Amino acid sequence: KQVAQQLAVVFQNNGEGFPATVLETAMIGRHPFISPWDIESAEDLAIARAALQKLELADLEHRLISTLSGGERQRLAIATALSQTPKLWLADEPSNHLDLKHQVQIMELLAEQAAANCGIVLCLHDLNLAAQWCDKILLLYPNSDACWGDAETMLATPALEKLYNQPLRCINNDGQRYFIPLSSRNSSG
């Protein structure tokens, strides 16, 4: 219970465990704070609803989770974690299934959490999200090698090409780096 009051985990895919509504699912984040024989308080409900509002899911609170799209389910998983008010987030591909708007929304939310002294540990495959939002990077190579350091240093084209076994082009735009995968037909230029 003490760990669950401090640590939230967001998986990249969320299965349907029980037939539940969006609000009931968001309330799961409040369970570590509720005594075994108590029910959710008005404050717990307000916290869960605020999380749904932040993730643009408030209008769906009465819908069954089985009716949600993949992106809506992912945003609900993040709203559930937000309802938990954690001090540490572990998130595996939190932008999974999300369109561009919601990818940015999630990364901004996590940046807000970091600014509020929450620890954020992400697993990301999207180099552009990592380049824009992450301070530190851990690269885990297929041969079990690992490199750790500042994002500026770790997000270097040669290291990333080795990691992904894929030619890349790095483009700088107004001080922000963007990585573009090159196909075999255009990797020479």
Protein backbone atom coordinates (compact mmCIF):
# COMPACT_ATOMS: atom_id res chain seq x y z
CA LYS A 1 0.00 0.00 0.00
CA GLN A 2 2.83 2.41 0.82
CA VAL A 3 4.54 1.71 -2.50
CA ALA A 4 1.26 2.15 -4.39
CA GLN A 5 0.82 5.55 -2.75
CA GLN A 6 4.16 6.65 -4.23
CA LEU A 7 4.59 4.75 -7.51
CA ALA A 8 2.40 4.66 -10.62
CA VAL A 9 2.99 2.32 -13.53
CA VAL A 10 1.60 2.90 -17.03
CA PHE A 11 1.86 0.00 -19.47
CA GLN A 12 1.89 0.42 -23.24
CA ASN A 13 -1.10 -1.88 -23.64
CA ASN A 14 -3.94 -2.08 -21.17
CA GLY A 15 -6.16 -5.12 -21.18
CA GLU A 16 -9.74 -5.08 -20.04
CA GLY A 17 -9.81 -6.72 -16.65
CA PHE A 18 -13.37 -5.99 -15.64
CA PRO A 19 -16.40 -4.40 -17.25
CA ALA A 20 -16.06 -0.93 -15.79
CA THR A 21 -16.78 2.64 -16.72
CA VAL A 22 -14.15 5.26 -17.43
CA LEU A 23 -14.74 6.91 -14.04
CA GLU A 24 -14.61 3.59 -12.16
CA THR A 25 -11.31 2.85 -13.86
CA ALA A 26 -9.83 6.24 -13.01
CA MET A 27 -10.89 5.68 -9.39
CA ILE A 28 -8.56 2.67 -9.24
CA GLY A 29 -5.78 5.20 -8.78
CA ARG A 30 -7.35 6.21 -5.47
CA HIS A 31 -7.51 2.67 -4.05
CA PRO A 32 -4.11 2.86 -2.26
CA PHE A 33 -5.49 5.73 -0.17
CA ILE A 34 -8.74 4.07 0.87
CA SER A 35 -9.02 1.82 3.90
CA PRO A 36 -10.22 -1.73 3.19
CA TRP A 37 -13.76 -1.18 4.47
CA ASP A 38 -14.20 2.39 3.30
CA ILE A 39 -15.62 3.73 0.06
CA GLU A 40 -14.26 6.50 -2.10
CA SER A 41 -14.69 9.97 -0.66
CA ALA A 42 -15.91 13.07 -2.44
CA GLU A 43 -12.25 14.17 -2.55
CA ASP A 44 -11.24 10.88 -4.24
CA LEU A 45 -14.00 11.37 -6.79
CA ALA A 46 -12.90 14.98 -7.41
CA ILE A 47 -9.28 13.88 -7.94
CA ALA A 48 -10.32 11.18 -10.44
CA ARG A 49 -12.63 13.56 -12.29
CA ALA A 50 -9.91 16.22 -12.46
CA ALA A 51 -7.56 13.64 -13.99
CA LEU A 52 -10.20 12.68 -16.57
CA GLN A 53 -10.71 16.36 -17.36
CA LYS A 54 -6.96 16.87 -17.82
CA LEU A 55 -6.86 13.96 -20.28
CA GLU A 56 -9.99 15.13 -22.15
CA LEU A 57 -12.00 12.12 -21.00
CA ALA A 58 -14.51 13.80 -18.67
CA ASP A 59 -17.34 13.51 -21.20
CA LEU A 60 -16.74 9.74 -21.37
CA GLU A 61 -16.89 9.01 -17.63
CA HIS A 62 -20.03 6.83 -17.92
CA ARG A 63 -18.83 4.85 -20.96
CA LEU A 64 -17.64 1.28 -20.57
CA ILE A 65 -13.93 0.91 -21.17
CA SER A 66 -14.67 -1.86 -23.69
CA THR A 67 -16.13 0.83 -26.00
CA LEU A 68 -12.99 3.01 -26.01
CA SER A 69 -10.43 3.30 -28.78
CA GLY A 70 -6.81 2.33 -28.14
CA GLY A 71 -5.83 5.97 -27.69
CA GLU A 72 -8.69 6.64 -25.29
CA ARG A 73 -7.67 3.59 -23.26
CA GLN A 74 -4.09 4.82 -23.11
CA ARG A 75 -5.20 8.26 -21.97
CA LEU A 76 -7.40 6.56 -19.36
CA ALA A 77 -4.41 4.58 -18.08
CA ILE A 78 -2.53 7.85 -17.67
CA ALA A 79 -5.55 9.47 -15.98
CA THR A 80 -5.70 6.52 -13.58
CA ALA A 81 -2.02 7.01 -12.75
CA LEU A 82 -2.57 10.75 -12.35
CA SER A 83 -5.45 10.00 -9.94
CA GLN A 84 -2.94 8.07 -7.87
CA THR A 85 -0.95 11.30 -7.27
CA PRO A 86 2.37 9.44 -7.43
CA LYS A 87 5.82 10.71 -6.58
CA LEU A 88 7.36 8.38 -9.21
CA TRP A 89 6.01 7.44 -12.63
CA LEU A 90 7.18 4.37 -14.56
CA ALA A 91 5.68 4.58 -18.05
CA ASP A 92 6.25 2.14 -20.89
CA GLU A 93 5.50 3.89 -24.18
CA PRO A 94 2.98 6.35 -22.69
CA SER A 95 2.34 7.80 -26.16
CA ASN A 96 1.31 4.39 -27.55
CA HIS A 97 -1.87 4.55 -29.71
CA LEU A 98 -2.02 8.34 -29.46
CA ASP A 99 -2.38 10.89 -32.23
CA LEU A 100 0.06 13.81 -32.39
CA LYS A 101 -2.06 16.16 -30.27
CA HIS A 102 -2.41 13.65 -27.46
CA GLN A 103 1.26 12.62 -27.65
CA VAL A 104 2.21 16.23 -26.93
CA GLN A 105 -0.50 16.49 -24.26
CA ILE A 106 0.88 13.43 -22.45
CA MET A 107 4.47 14.62 -22.65
CA GLU A 108 3.43 18.06 -21.36
CA LEU A 109 1.57 16.40 -18.48
CA LEU A 110 4.63 14.34 -17.58
CA ALA A 111 6.81 17.46 -17.80
CA GLU A 112 4.41 19.19 -15.38
CA GLN A 113 4.71 16.23 -13.05
CA ALA A 114 8.51 16.40 -13.24
CA ALA A 115 8.39 20.14 -12.51
CA ALA A 116 6.31 19.29 -9.42
CA ASN A 117 9.20 17.08 -8.17
CA CYS A 118 7.85 13.76 -9.41
CA GLY A 119 10.34 11.30 -10.82
CA ILE A 120 9.52 10.26 -14.38
CA VAL A 121 11.05 7.16 -15.98
CA LEU A 122 9.89 6.48 -19.53
CA CYS A 123 10.51 3.83 -22.11
CA LEU A 124 10.23 5.53 -25.50
CA HIS A 125 10.96 4.45 -29.04
CA ASP A 126 10.02 7.82 -30.50
CA LEU A 127 13.32 9.68 -30.77
CA ASN A 128 11.63 12.98 -31.45
CA LEU A 129 9.60 12.84 -28.25
CA ALA A 130 12.72 11.85 -26.33
CA ALA A 131 14.74 14.68 -27.90
CA GLN A 132 12.09 17.24 -27.03
CA TRP A 133 11.11 16.13 -23.54
CA CYS A 134 13.79 14.03 -21.86
CA ASP A 135 16.75 15.30 -19.83
CA LYS A 136 18.59 11.98 -19.43
CA ILE A 137 18.68 9.04 -21.81
CA LEU A 138 19.57 5.38 -21.32
CA LEU A 139 20.24 3.54 -24.59
CA LEU A 140 19.88 -0.24 -24.31
CA TYR A 141 21.57 -1.99 -27.22
CA PRO A 142 20.50 -5.45 -28.47
CA ASN A 143 23.91 -6.91 -27.48
CA SER A 144 23.25 -5.88 -23.84
CA ASP A 145 25.50 -2.81 -23.96
CA ALA A 146 24.04 0.29 -22.35
CA CYS A 147 24.92 3.98 -22.42
CA TRP A 148 23.58 6.64 -20.06
CA GLY A 149 23.90 10.40 -20.08
CA ASP A 150 22.44 13.78 -20.91
CA ALA A 151 19.98 13.75 -23.78
CA GLU A 152 22.12 16.20 -25.74
CA THR A 153 25.02 13.74 -25.68
CA MET A 154 23.12 10.46 -26.01
CA LEU A 155 20.93 11.49 -28.93
CA ALA A 156 23.75 11.50 -31.45
CA THR A 157 23.05 10.10 -34.90
CA PRO A 158 25.88 7.47 -34.91
CA ALA A 159 24.80 6.05 -31.53
CA LEU A 160 21.15 5.97 -32.58
CA GLU A 161 21.88 4.37 -35.95
CA LYS A 162 23.80 1.64 -34.11
CA LEU A 163 20.94 1.22 -31.62
CA TYR A 164 18.18 0.92 -34.22
CA ASN A 165 20.29 -0.56 -37.02
CA GLN A 166 18.70 2.10 -39.18
CA PRO A 167 20.14 5.08 -41.09
CA LEU A 168 18.89 8.39 -39.72
CA ARG A 169 19.09 12.02 -40.61
CA CYS A 170 19.15 14.62 -37.86
CA ILE A 171 17.59 17.96 -38.72
CA ASN A 172 17.92 21.02 -36.52
CA ASN A 173 15.02 23.45 -36.51
CA ASP A 174 15.13 26.45 -34.16
CA GLY A 175 17.49 24.60 -31.84
CA GLN A 176 15.34 21.45 -31.69
CA ARG A 177 16.68 18.21 -33.16
CA TYR A 178 14.44 15.89 -35.17
CA PHE A 179 15.38 12.41 -36.35
CA ILE A 180 14.10 11.02 -39.63
CA PRO A 181 14.59 7.37 -40.59
CA LEU A 182 15.98 6.96 -44.09
CA SER A 183 14.97 4.23 -46.47
CA SER A 184 17.65 2.37 -48.39
CA ARG A 185 16.81 4.38 -51.51
CA ASN A 186 17.55 7.75 -49.86
CA SER A 187 20.10 6.96 -47.14
CA SER A 188 23.06 8.20 -49.18
CA GLY A 189 22.04 11.88 -49.23
